[in-house]
Amino acid sequence: MKRKHLFLVLLALGFVLQLFNTFFTLYPFPGLEFLKVMFPALLLLASFIDSDPKLGLPLILYRVGLFFTLIGDYFLGIPNTPYFYFGMAGFAVGYLLYALTTRPQKSFPFILLISFSISIIQFITLDLSDAFKVSLVIAYMFIITFLLAGGWSQWIDRQKIKHLLIAFGFTFIYISDSMIGQDVFGSIKISQIPILLTYDFGQTLIALGFWRQLRDS
């Protein structure tokens, strides 16, 4: 099997597996936490199979970031335990590294302003009861706001298909985390199904953005 075909098989397998993880999130079973980490693990494996080696540092940052999201998935996959903030920390580090893979230029300040405005609107709708939660949410929202702005400004400045895929991937992740924020810290209860589906699409599109076959696209 050619490397590019194996890459796509791993992405498809991870995507389908994440659909099954939706069921295990709705009806968690102790001891099956490893199923949550299989999705990012398959994407990480795919990145070593057929990613663009000429990307250099951004590819390294992506892989390390993906590993931290794997850690986040593990802690969030443990049912009935107080590990939510450990998972949140894992994703925060992972997404910060994702954001650092982008290379935006002139459009970044304008797109950052738009992203920041969206985040502020969301923040004021949350019900945060203590300073600890406020500080955590502000730090996390800063990271995913930077992530969203970096992705779209990179595409605007460079106009490449791979950058568009990454921008949409970052957007799906931003939407997924926004729904989690509303579900955990807000007054709106949101099903895990749209949260996981948007996360699934986001991670998969980002992986495609680093695919070697899109080197010049």
Protein backbone atom coordinates (compact mmCIF):
# COMPACT_ATOMS: atom_id res chain seq x y z
CA MET A 1 0.00 0.00 0.00
CA LYS A 2 1.31 3.43 -0.95
CA ARG A 3 2.08 5.91 1.80
CA LYS A 4 -0.60 8.34 0.68
CA HIS A 5 -3.23 5.59 0.72
CA LEU A 6 -2.15 4.41 4.17
CA PHE A 7 -2.36 8.00 5.40
CA LEU A 8 -5.97 8.30 4.19
CA VAL A 9 -6.88 4.89 5.64
CA LEU A 10 -5.58 5.95 9.07
CA LEU A 11 -7.53 9.21 8.91
CA ALA A 12 -10.71 7.41 7.87
CA LEU A 13 -10.24 4.78 10.57
CA GLY A 14 -9.73 7.46 13.20
CA PHE A 15 -12.80 9.35 12.01
CA VAL A 16 -15.02 6.27 12.20
CA LEU A 17 -13.57 5.30 15.57
CA GLN A 18 -14.45 8.73 16.93
CA LEU A 19 -18.06 8.11 15.94
CA PHE A 20 -18.03 5.04 18.19
CA ASN A 21 -16.41 7.15 20.91
CA THR A 22 -19.56 9.26 20.87
CA PHE A 23 -21.47 6.26 22.19
CA PHE A 24 -18.89 5.62 24.91
CA THR A 25 -19.07 9.27 25.94
CA LEU A 26 -22.83 9.12 26.31
CA TYR A 27 -22.61 5.79 28.13
CA PRO A 28 -19.12 5.72 29.69
CA PHE A 29 -17.55 2.43 30.73
CA PRO A 30 -14.69 2.46 33.25
CA GLY A 31 -11.53 0.92 31.83
CA LEU A 32 -12.21 1.89 28.22
CA GLU A 33 -10.49 5.27 28.37
CA PHE A 34 -7.94 4.08 25.82
CA LEU A 35 -10.63 4.23 23.14
CA LYS A 36 -10.68 8.02 23.49
CA VAL A 37 -6.98 8.29 22.74
CA MET A 38 -7.09 6.05 19.68
CA PHE A 39 -8.37 8.86 17.48
CA PRO A 40 -5.48 11.32 18.08
CA ALA A 41 -3.07 8.36 18.21
CA LEU A 42 -4.08 7.32 14.68
CA LEU A 43 -3.75 10.91 13.45
CA LEU A 44 -0.30 11.11 15.05
CA LEU A 45 0.72 7.88 13.36
CA ALA A 46 -0.60 9.19 10.04
CA SER A 47 1.54 12.32 10.43
CA PHE A 48 4.65 10.12 10.44
CA ILE A 49 3.43 8.12 7.45
CA ASP A 50 2.90 10.83 4.85
CA SER A 51 3.21 14.40 6.13
CA ASP A 52 5.24 17.06 4.35
CA PRO A 53 8.81 16.89 5.77
CA LYS A 54 9.65 20.29 4.26
CA LEU A 55 7.37 21.97 6.78
CA GLY A 56 10.08 21.57 9.40
CA LEU A 57 9.26 23.22 12.74
CA PRO A 58 5.50 23.64 12.11
CA LEU A 59 5.20 19.88 11.54
CA ILE A 60 7.10 19.17 14.77
CA LEU A 61 4.87 21.59 16.68
CA TYR A 62 1.80 19.92 15.18
CA ARG A 63 2.92 16.46 16.24
CA VAL A 64 3.75 17.53 19.78
CA GLY A 65 0.48 19.43 19.97
CA LEU A 66 -1.40 16.37 18.77
CA PHE A 67 0.27 14.33 21.51
CA PHE A 68 -0.98 16.80 24.13
CA THR A 69 -4.52 16.54 22.73
CA LEU A 70 -4.13 12.78 23.14
CA ILE A 71 -3.39 13.39 26.82
CA GLY A 72 -6.41 15.67 27.01
CA ASP A 73 -8.62 13.04 25.41
CA TYR A 74 -7.43 10.46 27.94
CA PHE A 75 -8.28 12.53 31.00
CA LEU A 76 -11.62 13.65 29.59
CA GLY A 77 -12.41 10.04 28.74
CA ILE A 78 -12.19 8.85 32.36
CA PRO A 79 -15.79 8.78 33.65
CA ASN A 80 -16.91 10.07 37.06
CA THR A 81 -13.52 11.54 38.02
CA PRO A 82 -12.32 15.10 38.71
CA TYR A 83 -9.86 15.08 35.78
CA PHE A 84 -11.64 17.67 33.64
CA TYR A 85 -9.04 20.37 34.37
CA PHE A 86 -6.17 17.99 33.55
CA GLY A 87 -7.81 17.33 30.20
CA MET A 88 -8.37 21.04 29.71
CA ALA A 89 -4.67 21.68 30.37
CA GLY A 90 -3.65 19.03 27.84
CA PHE A 91 -5.81 20.57 25.14
CA ALA A 92 -4.66 24.09 26.03
CA VAL A 93 -1.01 23.16 25.46
CA GLY A 94 -1.87 21.19 22.33
CA TYR A 95 -3.88 23.99 20.76
CA LEU A 96 -1.26 26.59 21.64
CA LEU A 97 1.28 24.50 19.71
CA TYR A 98 -1.24 24.20 16.86
CA ALA A 99 -1.52 27.98 16.77
CA LEU A 100 2.25 28.34 16.63
CA THR A 101 2.33 26.25 13.42
CA THR A 102 0.65 29.10 11.56
CA ARG A 103 2.57 31.81 9.76
CA PRO A 104 0.14 34.72 9.41
CA GLN A 105 1.27 38.08 8.14
CA LYS A 106 -0.58 41.35 7.36
CA SER A 107 -4.14 40.20 8.06
CA PHE A 108 -3.46 38.80 11.54
CA PRO A 109 -4.32 41.93 13.63
CA PHE A 110 -7.68 42.37 11.89
CA ILE A 111 -8.65 38.68 12.12
CA LEU A 112 -7.49 38.58 15.75
CA LEU A 113 -9.79 41.50 16.53
CA ILE A 114 -12.75 39.65 15.00
CA SER A 115 -11.89 36.41 16.84
CA PHE A 116 -11.39 38.30 20.11
CA SER A 117 -14.81 39.95 19.74
CA ILE A 118 -16.47 36.56 19.24
CA SER A 119 -14.73 35.19 22.33
CA ILE A 120 -15.73 38.20 24.46
CA ILE A 121 -19.38 37.71 23.50
CA GLN A 122 -19.14 34.08 24.56
CA PHE A 123 -17.29 34.86 27.78
CA ILE A 124 -19.93 37.26 29.11
CA THR A 125 -22.60 34.56 28.68
CA LEU A 126 -20.77 32.15 31.02
CA ASP A 127 -21.63 31.72 34.68
CA LEU A 128 -18.25 31.62 36.43
CA SER A 129 -18.55 31.44 40.19
CA ASP A 130 -14.96 31.90 41.38
CA ALA A 131 -11.66 33.51 40.42
CA PHE A 132 -10.01 30.15 39.71
CA LYS A 133 -12.52 29.25 37.00
CA VAL A 134 -12.41 32.77 35.59
CA SER A 135 -8.62 32.66 35.22
CA LEU A 136 -8.70 29.20 33.63
CA VAL A 137 -11.39 30.08 31.13
CA ILE A 138 -9.73 33.38 30.19
CA ALA A 139 -6.39 31.63 29.57
CA TYR A 140 -8.03 28.86 27.55
CA MET A 141 -10.14 31.24 25.49
CA PHE A 142 -7.08 33.32 24.74
CA ILE A 143 -5.39 30.23 23.27
CA ILE A 144 -8.30 29.12 21.10
CA THR A 145 -8.89 32.74 20.00
CA PHE A 146 -5.26 32.94 18.91
CA LEU A 147 -5.71 29.56 17.22
CA LEU A 148 -8.74 30.71 15.24
CA ALA A 149 -7.13 34.01 14.21
CA GLY A 150 -3.86 32.35 13.22
CA GLY A 151 -5.58 29.79 11.03
CA TRP A 152 -7.73 32.20 9.03
CA SER A 153 -5.13 34.93 8.70
CA GLN A 154 -2.64 32.35 7.40
CA TRP A 155 -5.12 31.33 4.70
CA ILE A 156 -5.93 34.94 3.79
CA ASP A 157 -2.23 35.78 3.48
CA ARG A 158 -1.21 32.63 1.60
CA GLN A 159 -4.33 31.38 -0.26
CA LYS A 160 -3.35 27.70 -0.23
CA ILE A 161 -5.79 24.78 -0.06
CA LYS A 162 -3.83 23.21 2.80
CA HIS A 163 -4.12 26.44 4.79
CA LEU A 164 -7.85 26.58 4.12
CA LEU A 165 -8.21 23.03 5.48
CA ILE A 166 -6.28 23.99 8.60
CA ALA A 167 -8.35 27.16 9.04
CA PHE A 168 -11.59 25.17 8.88
CA GLY A 169 -10.07 22.59 11.22
CA PHE A 170 -9.24 25.29 13.77
CA THR A 171 -12.77 26.67 13.36
CA PHE A 172 -14.39 23.31 14.14
CA ILE A 173 -12.16 22.97 17.21
CA TYR A 174 -13.12 26.48 18.33
CA ILE A 175 -16.81 25.63 17.91
CA SER A 176 -16.38 22.33 19.79
CA ASP A 177 -14.62 24.01 22.72
CA SER A 178 -17.17 26.82 22.75
CA MET A 179 -19.95 24.26 23.14
CA ILE A 180 -18.02 22.59 25.97
CA GLY A 181 -17.66 25.98 27.66
CA GLN A 182 -21.38 26.60 27.46
CA ASP A 183 -22.16 23.09 28.68
CA VAL A 184 -19.75 23.16 31.65
CA PHE A 185 -19.67 26.83 32.63
CA GLY A 186 -22.81 28.24 31.04
CA SER A 187 -26.55 27.78 31.34
CA ILE A 188 -26.97 25.90 28.06
CA LYS A 189 -26.68 22.12 28.17
CA ILE A 190 -25.29 20.71 24.94
CA SER A 191 -25.19 17.08 23.85
CA GLN A 192 -21.82 15.40 23.47
CA ILE A 193 -22.72 14.43 19.89
CA PRO A 194 -22.17 17.87 18.25
CA ILE A 195 -19.19 18.50 20.54
CA LEU A 196 -17.44 15.32 19.43
CA LEU A 197 -18.43 15.61 15.78
CA THR A 198 -17.01 19.11 15.43
CA TYR A 199 -13.84 18.02 17.26
CA ASP A 200 -13.60 15.01 14.94
CA PHE A 201 -13.93 17.12 11.79
CA GLY A 202 -11.49 19.70 13.16
CA GLN A 203 -8.68 17.29 13.96
CA THR A 204 -9.14 15.43 10.66
CA LEU A 205 -9.01 18.60 8.54
CA ILE A 206 -5.88 19.79 10.35
CA ALA A 207 -4.21 16.44 9.67
CA LEU A 208 -5.10 16.78 5.98
CA GLY A 209 -3.56 20.25 5.96
CA PHE A 210 -0.19 18.71 6.86
CA TRP A 211 -0.52 15.93 4.24
CA ARG A 212 2.46 15.65 1.92
CA GLN A 213 0.20 15.41 -1.15
CA LEU A 214 -0.94 19.01 -0.56
CA ARG A 215 2.59 20.42 -0.44
CA ASP A 216 2.06 22.86 -3.31
CA SER A 217 -1.71 23.32 -2.98
